[in-house]
């Protein structure tokens, strides 16, 4: 068992919580340069203080969470992320990397177009919903990185047994042979999932998960 450290409000998630969606989107839209240079820097410093503390805590793994996209993909122009967000991820993760702590990046939404950027910034693995391409992550990073998630919580919640089994088999067929793959439900298993569906989910995981 590995007990990780983690931080939720890294950059974009911090802005969403602090300003709300309307003010956040408006502010970046009005002046993306000043927001990227100055406002994000404040959230960067808050996050860095937390990460430096975690780096001293004796953990082996750190979950770096930032909901920096939505279901359609990027919220802002990709160049904005590459100038103001991903370089800061690299700086934030440096204290962890210096201690040999593995960094797992976690985000809701579809961040397929940014998987390479996140890996280049230093992430050792990815935790993601079914919106992000499991096939792409497996193809590029299946032998080198941790991969967690991708099963659709909507199927586990509302699907038939056959649909649940098909969803588990899809993930297993794609990623089971990756040494760092962990079967998980994207966005976790919420409290409204019928108990019998949860049991059947784990039954299918045991059935298809044996290497």
N, C-alpha and C. Protein backbone atom coordinates (compact mmCIF):
# COMPACT_ATOMS: atom_id res chain seq x y z
N UNK A 1 0.85 -1.20 0.00
CA UNK A 1 0.00 0.00 0.00
C UNK A 1 0.88 1.24 0.00
N UNK A 2 0.52 2.19 -0.84
CA UNK A 2 1.24 3.46 -0.92
C UNK A 2 0.29 4.58 -0.50
N UNK A 3 0.69 5.37 0.49
CA UNK A 3 -0.13 6.50 0.93
C UNK A 3 0.49 7.77 0.35
N UNK A 4 -0.20 8.43 -0.58
CA UNK A 4 0.39 9.60 -1.24
C UNK A 4 0.10 10.90 -0.51
N UNK A 5 0.92 11.89 -0.81
CA UNK A 5 0.55 13.26 -0.49
C UNK A 5 -0.16 13.86 -1.68
N UNK A 6 -0.57 15.10 -1.57
CA UNK A 6 -1.25 15.71 -2.71
C UNK A 6 -1.71 17.13 -2.42
N UNK A 7 -2.05 17.81 -3.50
CA UNK A 7 -2.57 19.18 -3.40
C UNK A 7 -3.59 19.38 -4.52
N UNK A 8 -4.72 19.99 -4.19
CA UNK A 8 -5.85 20.05 -5.12
C UNK A 8 -5.87 21.32 -5.97
N UNK A 9 -5.54 22.46 -5.38
CA UNK A 9 -5.79 23.76 -6.02
C UNK A 9 -4.54 24.33 -6.68
N UNK A 10 -3.89 23.55 -7.49
CA UNK A 10 -2.55 23.87 -7.96
C UNK A 10 -2.46 25.23 -8.64
N UNK A 11 -3.08 25.40 -9.79
CA UNK A 11 -3.10 26.71 -10.48
C UNK A 11 -4.50 27.03 -10.97
N UNK A 12 -4.96 26.29 -11.97
CA UNK A 12 -6.27 26.58 -12.56
C UNK A 12 -7.38 26.30 -11.55
N UNK A 13 -7.29 25.19 -10.84
CA UNK A 13 -8.32 24.89 -9.83
C UNK A 13 -8.34 25.94 -8.73
N UNK A 14 -7.18 26.47 -8.40
CA UNK A 14 -7.13 27.55 -7.42
C UNK A 14 -7.85 28.78 -7.89
N UNK A 15 -7.67 29.12 -9.16
CA UNK A 15 -8.36 30.29 -9.73
C UNK A 15 -9.86 30.08 -9.77
N UNK A 16 -10.29 28.87 -10.14
CA UNK A 16 -11.73 28.58 -10.20
C UNK A 16 -12.36 28.77 -8.83
N UNK A 17 -11.67 28.26 -7.79
CA UNK A 17 -12.23 28.38 -6.45
C UNK A 17 -12.21 29.83 -5.95
N UNK A 18 -11.15 30.55 -6.27
CA UNK A 18 -11.02 31.91 -5.75
C UNK A 18 -11.95 32.91 -6.45
N UNK A 19 -12.07 32.80 -7.76
CA UNK A 19 -12.77 33.82 -8.53
C UNK A 19 -14.14 33.38 -9.04
N UNK A 20 -14.38 32.07 -9.14
CA UNK A 20 -15.57 31.59 -9.82
C UNK A 20 -15.32 31.60 -11.33
N UNK A 21 -16.10 30.81 -12.05
CA UNK A 21 -15.85 30.67 -13.49
C UNK A 21 -15.98 31.99 -14.24
N UNK A 22 -17.03 32.77 -13.98
CA UNK A 22 -17.29 33.96 -14.78
C UNK A 22 -16.14 34.96 -14.69
N UNK A 23 -15.74 35.30 -13.47
CA UNK A 23 -14.66 36.28 -13.30
C UNK A 23 -13.33 35.73 -13.82
N UNK A 24 -13.10 34.45 -13.61
CA UNK A 24 -11.86 33.82 -14.08
C UNK A 24 -11.75 33.90 -15.60
N UNK A 25 -12.79 33.46 -16.30
CA UNK A 25 -12.77 33.48 -17.77
C UNK A 25 -12.67 34.90 -18.31
N UNK A 26 -13.41 35.81 -17.70
CA UNK A 26 -13.38 37.20 -18.14
C UNK A 26 -11.98 37.80 -17.94
N UNK A 27 -11.38 37.54 -16.80
CA UNK A 27 -10.09 38.14 -16.49
C UNK A 27 -8.99 37.66 -17.44
N UNK A 28 -8.95 36.37 -17.69
CA UNK A 28 -7.95 35.85 -18.63
C UNK A 28 -8.21 36.38 -20.03
N UNK A 29 -9.49 36.47 -20.38
CA UNK A 29 -9.84 36.98 -21.72
C UNK A 29 -9.47 38.43 -21.92
N UNK A 30 -9.63 39.25 -20.87
CA UNK A 30 -9.33 40.68 -20.98
C UNK A 30 -7.83 40.93 -21.09
N UNK A 31 -7.04 40.22 -20.29
CA UNK A 31 -5.60 40.45 -20.29
C UNK A 31 -4.87 39.15 -19.96
N UNK A 32 -4.76 38.25 -20.93
CA UNK A 32 -4.13 36.95 -20.66
C UNK A 32 -2.68 37.05 -20.22
N UNK A 33 -1.96 38.06 -20.70
CA UNK A 33 -0.56 38.19 -20.33
C UNK A 33 -0.40 38.57 -18.86
N UNK A 34 -1.10 39.61 -18.43
CA UNK A 34 -0.96 40.05 -17.03
C UNK A 34 -1.49 38.99 -16.07
N UNK A 35 -2.59 38.34 -16.46
CA UNK A 35 -3.12 37.29 -15.59
C UNK A 35 -2.12 36.15 -15.48
N UNK A 36 -1.55 35.75 -16.62
CA UNK A 36 -0.60 34.66 -16.61
C UNK A 36 0.67 34.98 -15.84
N UNK A 37 1.13 36.23 -15.96
CA UNK A 37 2.39 36.60 -15.32
C UNK A 37 2.24 36.87 -13.82
N UNK A 38 1.14 37.53 -13.44
CA UNK A 38 1.04 38.03 -12.08
C UNK A 38 0.04 37.27 -11.21
N UNK A 39 -1.15 37.03 -11.72
CA UNK A 39 -2.16 36.36 -10.89
C UNK A 39 -1.78 34.90 -10.67
N UNK A 40 -1.41 34.22 -11.74
CA UNK A 40 -1.01 32.83 -11.58
C UNK A 40 0.21 32.68 -10.68
N UNK A 41 1.06 33.69 -10.66
CA UNK A 41 2.25 33.62 -9.82
C UNK A 41 1.88 33.52 -8.34
N UNK A 42 0.81 34.21 -7.95
CA UNK A 42 0.36 34.11 -6.57
C UNK A 42 -0.08 32.70 -6.20
N UNK A 43 -0.85 32.07 -7.08
CA UNK A 43 -1.28 30.69 -6.82
C UNK A 43 -0.10 29.73 -6.89
N UNK A 44 0.85 30.03 -7.76
CA UNK A 44 2.07 29.24 -7.84
C UNK A 44 2.80 29.25 -6.50
N UNK A 45 2.95 30.41 -5.90
CA UNK A 45 3.68 30.52 -4.63
C UNK A 45 2.95 29.80 -3.49
N UNK A 46 1.62 29.89 -3.47
CA UNK A 46 0.85 29.17 -2.46
C UNK A 46 1.05 27.66 -2.60
N UNK A 47 0.98 27.20 -3.85
CA UNK A 47 1.14 25.76 -4.09
C UNK A 47 2.56 25.30 -3.78
N UNK A 48 3.54 26.12 -4.15
CA UNK A 48 4.93 25.75 -3.90
C UNK A 48 5.19 25.57 -2.41
N UNK A 49 4.61 26.42 -1.58
CA UNK A 49 4.79 26.28 -0.13
C UNK A 49 4.25 24.94 0.35
N UNK A 50 3.11 24.54 -0.16
CA UNK A 50 2.54 23.25 0.21
C UNK A 50 3.40 22.09 -0.28
N UNK A 51 3.87 22.20 -1.51
CA UNK A 51 4.68 21.11 -2.08
C UNK A 51 6.00 20.97 -1.34
N UNK A 52 6.62 22.08 -0.98
CA UNK A 52 7.88 21.99 -0.22
C UNK A 52 7.65 21.30 1.12
N UNK A 53 6.50 21.54 1.73
CA UNK A 53 6.19 20.85 2.99
C UNK A 53 6.00 19.36 2.76
N UNK A 54 5.27 19.01 1.70
CA UNK A 54 5.06 17.59 1.39
C UNK A 54 6.39 16.89 1.07
N UNK A 55 7.30 17.60 0.44
CA UNK A 55 8.60 16.99 0.09
C UNK A 55 9.38 16.58 1.34
N UNK A 56 9.03 17.16 2.49
CA UNK A 56 9.71 16.82 3.74
C UNK A 56 8.96 15.76 4.54
N UNK A 57 7.84 15.28 4.02
CA UNK A 57 6.94 14.44 4.81
C UNK A 57 7.22 12.94 4.68
N UNK A 58 8.20 12.57 3.87
CA UNK A 58 8.53 11.16 3.75
C UNK A 58 7.61 10.35 2.86
N UNK A 59 6.88 11.02 1.96
CA UNK A 59 5.98 10.31 1.06
C UNK A 59 6.77 9.75 -0.13
N UNK A 60 6.17 8.78 -0.80
CA UNK A 60 6.77 8.21 -2.02
C UNK A 60 6.11 8.73 -3.29
N UNK A 61 4.85 9.15 -3.16
CA UNK A 61 4.06 9.57 -4.32
C UNK A 61 3.29 10.83 -3.96
N UNK A 62 3.17 11.73 -4.94
CA UNK A 62 2.42 12.98 -4.75
C UNK A 62 1.41 13.11 -5.89
N UNK A 63 0.15 13.35 -5.55
CA UNK A 63 -0.90 13.58 -6.55
C UNK A 63 -1.06 15.08 -6.73
N UNK A 64 -0.71 15.54 -7.90
CA UNK A 64 -0.82 16.97 -8.24
C UNK A 64 -2.09 17.17 -9.05
N UNK A 65 -3.11 17.72 -8.42
CA UNK A 65 -4.42 17.88 -9.06
C UNK A 65 -4.61 19.30 -9.59
N UNK A 66 -5.11 19.40 -10.81
CA UNK A 66 -5.44 20.72 -11.37
C UNK A 66 -6.42 20.51 -12.52
N UNK A 67 -7.68 20.89 -12.32
CA UNK A 67 -8.69 20.76 -13.38
C UNK A 67 -8.48 21.87 -14.40
N UNK A 68 -7.51 21.67 -15.28
CA UNK A 68 -7.09 22.77 -16.16
C UNK A 68 -7.69 22.69 -17.57
N UNK A 69 -8.60 21.73 -17.77
CA UNK A 69 -9.35 21.64 -19.03
C UNK A 69 -10.80 21.33 -18.69
N UNK A 70 -11.66 21.34 -19.70
CA UNK A 70 -13.02 20.83 -19.50
C UNK A 70 -13.30 19.76 -20.53
N UNK A 71 -14.55 19.32 -20.66
CA UNK A 71 -14.84 18.11 -21.43
C UNK A 71 -14.43 18.22 -22.89
N UNK A 72 -14.48 19.44 -23.46
CA UNK A 72 -14.11 19.62 -24.87
C UNK A 72 -12.60 19.79 -25.06
N UNK A 73 -11.88 19.94 -23.98
CA UNK A 73 -10.43 20.14 -24.08
C UNK A 73 -10.02 21.43 -23.40
N UNK A 74 -9.11 22.15 -24.03
CA UNK A 74 -8.53 23.35 -23.43
C UNK A 74 -9.58 24.42 -23.16
N UNK A 75 -9.47 25.06 -22.01
CA UNK A 75 -10.33 26.20 -21.67
C UNK A 75 -9.82 27.45 -22.39
N UNK A 76 -8.49 27.59 -22.43
CA UNK A 76 -7.85 28.74 -23.05
C UNK A 76 -6.99 28.28 -24.22
N UNK A 77 -6.43 29.22 -24.94
CA UNK A 77 -5.59 28.87 -26.08
C UNK A 77 -4.42 28.01 -25.59
N UNK A 78 -4.08 26.93 -26.31
CA UNK A 78 -2.98 26.07 -25.88
C UNK A 78 -1.67 26.82 -25.63
N UNK A 79 -1.42 27.88 -26.40
CA UNK A 79 -0.18 28.64 -26.19
C UNK A 79 -0.12 29.26 -24.81
N UNK A 80 -1.28 29.65 -24.28
CA UNK A 80 -1.32 30.26 -22.95
C UNK A 80 -0.89 29.25 -21.89
N UNK A 81 -1.35 28.03 -22.01
CA UNK A 81 -0.92 26.98 -21.10
C UNK A 81 0.58 26.76 -21.21
N UNK A 82 1.07 26.72 -22.42
CA UNK A 82 2.48 26.38 -22.62
C UNK A 82 3.41 27.50 -22.18
N UNK A 83 2.89 28.70 -22.09
CA UNK A 83 3.71 29.82 -21.62
C UNK A 83 3.61 30.02 -20.12
N UNK A 84 2.40 29.84 -19.56
CA UNK A 84 2.20 30.23 -18.17
C UNK A 84 1.90 29.07 -17.21
N UNK A 85 1.43 27.96 -17.69
CA UNK A 85 1.02 26.87 -16.80
C UNK A 85 2.07 25.77 -16.70
N UNK A 86 2.41 25.17 -17.82
CA UNK A 86 3.30 24.01 -17.77
C UNK A 86 4.72 24.32 -17.25
N UNK A 87 5.29 25.48 -17.59
CA UNK A 87 6.59 25.79 -16.96
C UNK A 87 6.50 25.90 -15.44
N UNK A 88 5.36 26.35 -14.94
CA UNK A 88 5.19 26.43 -13.48
C UNK A 88 5.01 25.03 -12.89
N UNK A 89 4.33 24.13 -13.60
CA UNK A 89 4.26 22.75 -13.11
C UNK A 89 5.67 22.20 -12.90
N UNK A 90 6.53 22.42 -13.88
CA UNK A 90 7.89 21.89 -13.80
C UNK A 90 8.61 22.44 -12.57
N UNK A 91 8.45 23.73 -12.29
CA UNK A 91 9.08 24.33 -11.11
C UNK A 91 8.46 23.80 -9.82
N UNK A 92 7.14 23.63 -9.83
CA UNK A 92 6.46 23.12 -8.63
C UNK A 92 6.91 21.71 -8.29
N UNK A 93 7.11 20.89 -9.29
CA UNK A 93 7.43 19.50 -9.04
C UNK A 93 8.91 19.26 -8.74
N UNK A 94 9.73 20.27 -8.94
CA UNK A 94 11.17 20.08 -8.75
C UNK A 94 11.53 19.66 -7.32
N UNK A 95 10.96 20.28 -6.27
CA UNK A 95 11.30 19.83 -4.91
C UNK A 95 10.94 18.37 -4.66
N UNK A 96 9.89 17.89 -5.31
CA UNK A 96 9.50 16.49 -5.17
C UNK A 96 10.47 15.58 -5.91
N UNK A 97 10.81 15.99 -7.13
CA UNK A 97 11.72 15.17 -7.94
C UNK A 97 13.09 15.05 -7.26
N UNK A 98 13.52 16.12 -6.62
CA UNK A 98 14.82 16.09 -5.93
C UNK A 98 14.84 15.08 -4.79
N UNK A 99 13.68 14.78 -4.24
CA UNK A 99 13.59 13.79 -3.16
C UNK A 99 13.22 12.40 -3.68
N UNK A 100 13.14 12.25 -5.00
CA UNK A 100 12.77 10.95 -5.57
C UNK A 100 11.31 10.61 -5.44
N UNK A 101 10.46 11.60 -5.22
CA UNK A 101 9.02 11.39 -5.06
C UNK A 101 8.36 11.39 -6.43
N UNK A 102 7.56 10.36 -6.71
CA UNK A 102 6.85 10.27 -7.97
C UNK A 102 5.68 11.25 -8.00
N UNK A 103 5.50 11.91 -9.14
CA UNK A 103 4.42 12.88 -9.31
C UNK A 103 3.37 12.31 -10.25
N UNK A 104 2.15 12.20 -9.75
CA UNK A 104 1.02 11.77 -10.58
C UNK A 104 0.12 12.97 -10.82
N UNK A 105 -0.06 13.32 -12.08
CA UNK A 105 -0.90 14.47 -12.42
C UNK A 105 -2.34 14.01 -12.60
N UNK A 106 -3.27 14.77 -12.02
CA UNK A 106 -4.69 14.42 -12.05
C UNK A 106 -5.51 15.61 -12.51
N UNK A 107 -6.38 15.38 -13.49
CA UNK A 107 -7.29 16.43 -13.95
C UNK A 107 -8.56 15.81 -14.50
N UNK A 108 -9.69 16.48 -14.26
CA UNK A 108 -10.92 16.14 -14.95
C UNK A 108 -10.82 16.60 -16.41
N UNK A 109 -11.82 16.26 -17.20
CA UNK A 109 -11.91 16.75 -18.56
C UNK A 109 -11.00 16.00 -19.52
N UNK A 110 -10.79 16.60 -20.67
CA UNK A 110 -10.01 15.99 -21.75
C UNK A 110 -8.70 16.74 -21.92
N UNK A 111 -7.61 16.16 -21.42
CA UNK A 111 -6.31 16.81 -21.58
C UNK A 111 -5.39 16.03 -22.52
N UNK A 112 -5.99 15.30 -23.48
CA UNK A 112 -5.20 14.51 -24.43
C UNK A 112 -4.16 15.37 -25.13
N UNK A 113 -4.54 16.57 -25.58
CA UNK A 113 -3.61 17.40 -26.34
C UNK A 113 -2.44 17.90 -25.48
N UNK A 114 -2.56 17.78 -24.16
CA UNK A 114 -1.51 18.27 -23.27
C UNK A 114 -0.74 17.15 -22.56
N UNK A 115 -1.02 15.91 -22.88
CA UNK A 115 -0.35 14.81 -22.20
C UNK A 115 1.17 14.94 -22.34
N UNK A 116 1.63 15.24 -23.54
CA UNK A 116 3.08 15.35 -23.76
C UNK A 116 3.67 16.52 -22.98
N UNK A 117 2.96 17.63 -22.91
CA UNK A 117 3.44 18.79 -22.15
C UNK A 117 3.58 18.45 -20.67
N UNK A 118 2.60 17.72 -20.15
CA UNK A 118 2.61 17.37 -18.73
C UNK A 118 3.74 16.39 -18.44
N UNK A 119 3.95 15.45 -19.35
CA UNK A 119 5.07 14.52 -19.19
C UNK A 119 6.40 15.26 -19.25
N UNK A 120 6.52 16.20 -20.18
CA UNK A 120 7.76 16.98 -20.30
C UNK A 120 8.02 17.81 -19.05
N UNK A 121 6.95 18.23 -18.37
CA UNK A 121 7.11 19.01 -17.15
C UNK A 121 7.59 18.15 -15.97
N UNK A 122 7.50 16.84 -16.12
CA UNK A 122 8.03 15.97 -15.08
C UNK A 122 7.07 14.99 -14.45
N UNK A 123 5.83 14.93 -14.94
CA UNK A 123 4.88 13.99 -14.35
C UNK A 123 5.33 12.55 -14.59
N UNK A 124 5.24 11.73 -13.58
CA UNK A 124 5.57 10.31 -13.68
C UNK A 124 4.35 9.46 -13.98
N UNK A 125 3.18 10.08 -13.99
CA UNK A 125 1.97 9.32 -14.27
C UNK A 125 0.78 10.24 -14.43
N UNK A 126 -0.35 9.63 -14.84
CA UNK A 126 -1.55 10.39 -15.16
C UNK A 126 -2.76 9.70 -14.54
N UNK A 127 -3.64 10.51 -13.95
CA UNK A 127 -4.93 10.04 -13.43
C UNK A 127 -5.99 10.81 -14.19
N UNK A 128 -6.90 10.09 -14.90
CA UNK A 128 -7.76 10.83 -15.81
C UNK A 128 -9.10 10.12 -16.04
N UNK A 129 -10.04 10.91 -16.53
CA UNK A 129 -11.38 10.45 -16.85
C UNK A 129 -11.41 9.81 -18.24
N UNK A 130 -12.54 9.20 -18.63
CA UNK A 130 -12.61 8.58 -19.96
C UNK A 130 -12.54 9.57 -21.11
N UNK A 131 -12.64 10.86 -20.84
CA UNK A 131 -12.55 11.87 -21.89
C UNK A 131 -11.14 11.96 -22.46
N UNK A 132 -10.14 11.75 -21.62
CA UNK A 132 -8.75 11.71 -22.09
C UNK A 132 -8.47 10.34 -22.69
N UNK A 133 -7.74 10.33 -23.79
CA UNK A 133 -7.55 9.10 -24.57
C UNK A 133 -6.62 8.12 -23.86
N UNK A 134 -7.18 7.01 -23.42
CA UNK A 134 -6.36 5.95 -22.84
C UNK A 134 -5.43 5.36 -23.90
N UNK A 135 -5.92 5.27 -25.12
CA UNK A 135 -5.11 4.70 -26.19
C UNK A 135 -3.85 5.52 -26.43
N UNK A 136 -3.99 6.84 -26.44
CA UNK A 136 -2.83 7.70 -26.67
C UNK A 136 -1.82 7.60 -25.53
N UNK A 137 -2.33 7.63 -24.30
CA UNK A 137 -1.43 7.55 -23.15
C UNK A 137 -0.69 6.22 -23.13
N UNK A 138 -1.40 5.14 -23.44
CA UNK A 138 -0.76 3.82 -23.47
C UNK A 138 0.29 3.75 -24.56
N UNK A 139 -0.04 4.28 -25.74
CA UNK A 139 0.89 4.23 -26.87
C UNK A 139 2.19 4.98 -26.56
N UNK A 140 2.06 6.17 -25.96
CA UNK A 140 3.23 7.02 -25.73
C UNK A 140 3.96 6.69 -24.42
N UNK A 141 3.20 6.34 -23.37
CA UNK A 141 3.79 6.27 -22.03
C UNK A 141 3.48 4.97 -21.28
N UNK A 142 2.95 3.99 -22.00
CA UNK A 142 2.52 2.76 -21.35
C UNK A 142 3.63 1.97 -20.67
N UNK A 143 4.85 2.12 -21.13
CA UNK A 143 5.97 1.36 -20.55
C UNK A 143 6.81 2.18 -19.59
N UNK A 144 6.48 3.45 -19.43
CA UNK A 144 7.35 4.32 -18.63
C UNK A 144 6.63 5.06 -17.51
N UNK A 145 5.30 5.19 -17.59
CA UNK A 145 4.57 6.03 -16.66
C UNK A 145 3.44 5.26 -15.97
N UNK A 146 3.01 5.77 -14.84
CA UNK A 146 1.83 5.26 -14.16
C UNK A 146 0.59 5.74 -14.90
N UNK A 147 -0.38 4.85 -15.05
CA UNK A 147 -1.65 5.18 -15.72
C UNK A 147 -2.78 4.73 -14.80
N UNK A 148 -3.65 5.67 -14.43
CA UNK A 148 -4.76 5.36 -13.52
C UNK A 148 -6.05 5.96 -14.05
N UNK A 149 -7.10 5.13 -14.07
CA UNK A 149 -8.41 5.67 -14.41
C UNK A 149 -8.92 5.23 -15.76
N UNK A 150 -9.86 6.02 -16.29
CA UNK A 150 -10.47 5.93 -17.62
C UNK A 150 -11.78 5.18 -17.65
N UNK A 151 -12.07 4.28 -16.72
CA UNK A 151 -13.39 3.67 -16.71
C UNK A 151 -14.44 4.74 -16.43
N UNK A 152 -15.56 4.66 -17.12
CA UNK A 152 -16.58 5.71 -17.07
C UNK A 152 -17.52 5.49 -15.89
N UNK A 153 -17.54 6.45 -14.95
CA UNK A 153 -18.39 6.31 -13.77
C UNK A 153 -19.87 6.32 -14.13
N UNK A 154 -20.22 6.90 -15.29
CA UNK A 154 -21.62 6.90 -15.72
C UNK A 154 -22.08 5.50 -16.07
N UNK A 155 -21.18 4.71 -16.66
CA UNK A 155 -21.52 3.33 -16.98
C UNK A 155 -21.66 2.52 -15.70
N UNK A 156 -20.75 2.72 -14.75
CA UNK A 156 -20.81 1.99 -13.49
C UNK A 156 -22.09 2.36 -12.72
N UNK A 157 -22.53 3.59 -12.86
CA UNK A 157 -23.71 4.06 -12.12
C UNK A 157 -25.01 3.64 -12.77
N UNK A 158 -25.11 3.82 -14.09
CA UNK A 158 -26.40 3.65 -14.76
C UNK A 158 -26.45 2.47 -15.73
N UNK A 159 -25.31 1.81 -15.97
CA UNK A 159 -25.26 0.76 -16.98
C UNK A 159 -25.79 -0.57 -16.50
N UNK A 160 -26.05 -1.44 -17.49
CA UNK A 160 -26.40 -2.83 -17.20
C UNK A 160 -25.13 -3.60 -16.86
N UNK A 161 -25.29 -4.82 -16.40
CA UNK A 161 -24.12 -5.65 -16.11
C UNK A 161 -23.27 -5.84 -17.36
N UNK A 162 -23.92 -6.05 -18.49
CA UNK A 162 -23.17 -6.24 -19.73
C UNK A 162 -22.39 -4.98 -20.10
N UNK A 163 -23.01 -3.81 -19.90
CA UNK A 163 -22.33 -2.56 -20.21
C UNK A 163 -21.15 -2.32 -19.26
N UNK A 164 -21.32 -2.66 -18.00
CA UNK A 164 -20.23 -2.51 -17.04
C UNK A 164 -19.07 -3.42 -17.42
N UNK A 165 -19.38 -4.65 -17.75
CA UNK A 165 -18.33 -5.60 -18.13
C UNK A 165 -17.60 -5.15 -19.39
N UNK A 166 -18.36 -4.64 -20.37
CA UNK A 166 -17.75 -4.15 -21.60
C UNK A 166 -16.81 -2.98 -21.33
N UNK A 167 -17.20 -2.10 -20.40
CA UNK A 167 -16.36 -0.94 -20.07
C UNK A 167 -15.07 -1.38 -19.39
N UNK A 168 -15.16 -2.32 -18.47
CA UNK A 168 -13.96 -2.82 -17.80
C UNK A 168 -13.05 -3.51 -18.80
N UNK A 169 -13.63 -4.31 -19.66
CA UNK A 169 -12.84 -5.05 -20.65
C UNK A 169 -12.15 -4.08 -21.62
N UNK A 170 -12.81 -2.97 -21.96
CA UNK A 170 -12.19 -1.97 -22.83
C UNK A 170 -10.90 -1.44 -22.22
N UNK A 171 -10.97 -1.07 -20.96
CA UNK A 171 -9.78 -0.54 -20.28
C UNK A 171 -8.70 -1.60 -20.15
N UNK A 172 -9.09 -2.80 -19.77
CA UNK A 172 -8.12 -3.86 -19.57
C UNK A 172 -7.45 -4.26 -20.89
N UNK A 173 -8.23 -4.38 -21.94
CA UNK A 173 -7.67 -4.76 -23.24
C UNK A 173 -6.66 -3.74 -23.73
N UNK A 174 -6.89 -2.47 -23.37
CA UNK A 174 -6.01 -1.39 -23.83
C UNK A 174 -4.76 -1.27 -22.98
N UNK A 175 -4.90 -1.41 -21.67
CA UNK A 175 -3.80 -1.00 -20.79
C UNK A 175 -3.27 -2.07 -19.84
N UNK A 176 -3.88 -3.24 -19.79
CA UNK A 176 -3.50 -4.22 -18.77
C UNK A 176 -2.03 -4.62 -18.85
N UNK A 177 -1.47 -4.63 -20.04
CA UNK A 177 -0.09 -5.06 -20.19
C UNK A 177 0.93 -3.97 -19.86
N UNK A 178 0.45 -2.79 -19.53
CA UNK A 178 1.36 -1.71 -19.10
C UNK A 178 1.77 -1.96 -17.66
N UNK A 179 3.05 -1.93 -17.35
CA UNK A 179 3.50 -2.27 -16.00
C UNK A 179 3.01 -1.31 -14.92
N UNK A 180 2.68 -0.07 -15.29
CA UNK A 180 2.24 0.91 -14.31
C UNK A 180 0.76 1.20 -14.34
N UNK A 181 -0.04 0.29 -14.93
CA UNK A 181 -1.48 0.54 -15.05
C UNK A 181 -2.21 0.12 -13.78
N UNK A 182 -3.06 1.03 -13.28
CA UNK A 182 -3.95 0.75 -12.17
C UNK A 182 -5.39 0.95 -12.64
N UNK A 183 -6.19 -0.08 -12.58
CA UNK A 183 -7.59 0.05 -12.96
C UNK A 183 -8.30 0.95 -11.97
N UNK A 184 -9.01 1.94 -12.48
CA UNK A 184 -9.73 2.87 -11.62
C UNK A 184 -10.87 3.50 -12.41
N UNK A 185 -11.87 3.98 -11.69
CA UNK A 185 -12.99 4.67 -12.30
C UNK A 185 -12.66 6.15 -12.39
N UNK A 186 -12.70 6.71 -13.60
CA UNK A 186 -12.48 8.13 -13.77
C UNK A 186 -13.52 8.92 -12.98
N UNK A 187 -13.06 9.89 -12.20
CA UNK A 187 -13.90 10.68 -11.30
C UNK A 187 -14.43 9.86 -10.14
N UNK A 188 -13.82 8.70 -9.91
CA UNK A 188 -14.08 7.89 -8.72
C UNK A 188 -15.47 7.25 -8.75
N UNK A 189 -15.81 6.54 -7.69
CA UNK A 189 -17.11 5.87 -7.59
C UNK A 189 -17.98 6.70 -6.65
N UNK A 190 -18.93 7.46 -7.18
CA UNK A 190 -19.74 8.33 -6.32
C UNK A 190 -20.73 7.53 -5.48
N UNK A 191 -21.32 8.21 -4.51
CA UNK A 191 -22.17 7.54 -3.52
C UNK A 191 -23.49 7.07 -4.09
N UNK A 192 -23.87 7.54 -5.29
CA UNK A 192 -25.16 7.13 -5.85
C UNK A 192 -25.07 5.87 -6.71
N UNK A 193 -23.89 5.25 -6.77
CA UNK A 193 -23.77 4.01 -7.54
C UNK A 193 -24.49 2.88 -6.79
N UNK A 194 -25.36 2.13 -7.46
CA UNK A 194 -26.00 0.99 -6.80
C UNK A 194 -24.97 0.01 -6.29
N UNK A 195 -25.17 -0.49 -5.09
CA UNK A 195 -24.19 -1.37 -4.46
C UNK A 195 -23.91 -2.59 -5.31
N UNK A 196 -24.97 -3.15 -5.94
CA UNK A 196 -24.76 -4.34 -6.76
C UNK A 196 -23.88 -4.04 -7.97
N UNK A 197 -23.93 -2.79 -8.46
CA UNK A 197 -23.05 -2.41 -9.56
C UNK A 197 -21.60 -2.33 -9.11
N UNK A 198 -21.37 -1.86 -7.90
CA UNK A 198 -20.01 -1.79 -7.36
C UNK A 198 -19.43 -3.20 -7.23
N UNK A 199 -20.22 -4.11 -6.66
CA UNK A 199 -19.74 -5.49 -6.52
C UNK A 199 -19.44 -6.09 -7.89
N UNK A 200 -20.31 -5.83 -8.86
CA UNK A 200 -20.08 -6.41 -10.19
C UNK A 200 -18.87 -5.77 -10.86
N UNK A 201 -18.66 -4.49 -10.62
CA UNK A 201 -17.47 -3.82 -11.14
C UNK A 201 -16.21 -4.53 -10.66
N UNK A 202 -16.12 -4.78 -9.36
CA UNK A 202 -14.92 -5.43 -8.81
C UNK A 202 -14.82 -6.88 -9.26
N UNK A 203 -15.96 -7.52 -9.46
CA UNK A 203 -15.94 -8.88 -10.00
C UNK A 203 -15.31 -8.89 -11.40
N UNK A 204 -15.69 -7.92 -12.21
CA UNK A 204 -15.13 -7.82 -13.57
C UNK A 204 -13.65 -7.43 -13.54
N UNK A 205 -13.28 -6.55 -12.62
CA UNK A 205 -11.88 -6.18 -12.49
C UNK A 205 -11.02 -7.41 -12.16
N UNK A 206 -11.51 -8.24 -11.24
CA UNK A 206 -10.78 -9.46 -10.89
C UNK A 206 -10.75 -10.44 -12.06
N UNK A 207 -11.82 -10.47 -12.82
CA UNK A 207 -11.92 -11.40 -13.94
C UNK A 207 -10.94 -11.05 -15.05
N UNK A 208 -10.88 -9.76 -15.40
CA UNK A 208 -10.07 -9.35 -16.56
C UNK A 208 -8.71 -8.78 -16.18
N UNK A 209 -8.49 -8.59 -14.89
CA UNK A 209 -7.27 -7.90 -14.49
C UNK A 209 -6.07 -8.79 -14.23
N UNK A 210 -6.25 -10.09 -14.26
CA UNK A 210 -5.14 -10.99 -13.97
C UNK A 210 -4.18 -11.06 -15.16
N UNK A 211 -2.90 -10.82 -14.88
CA UNK A 211 -1.90 -10.86 -15.95
C UNK A 211 -1.39 -12.30 -16.10
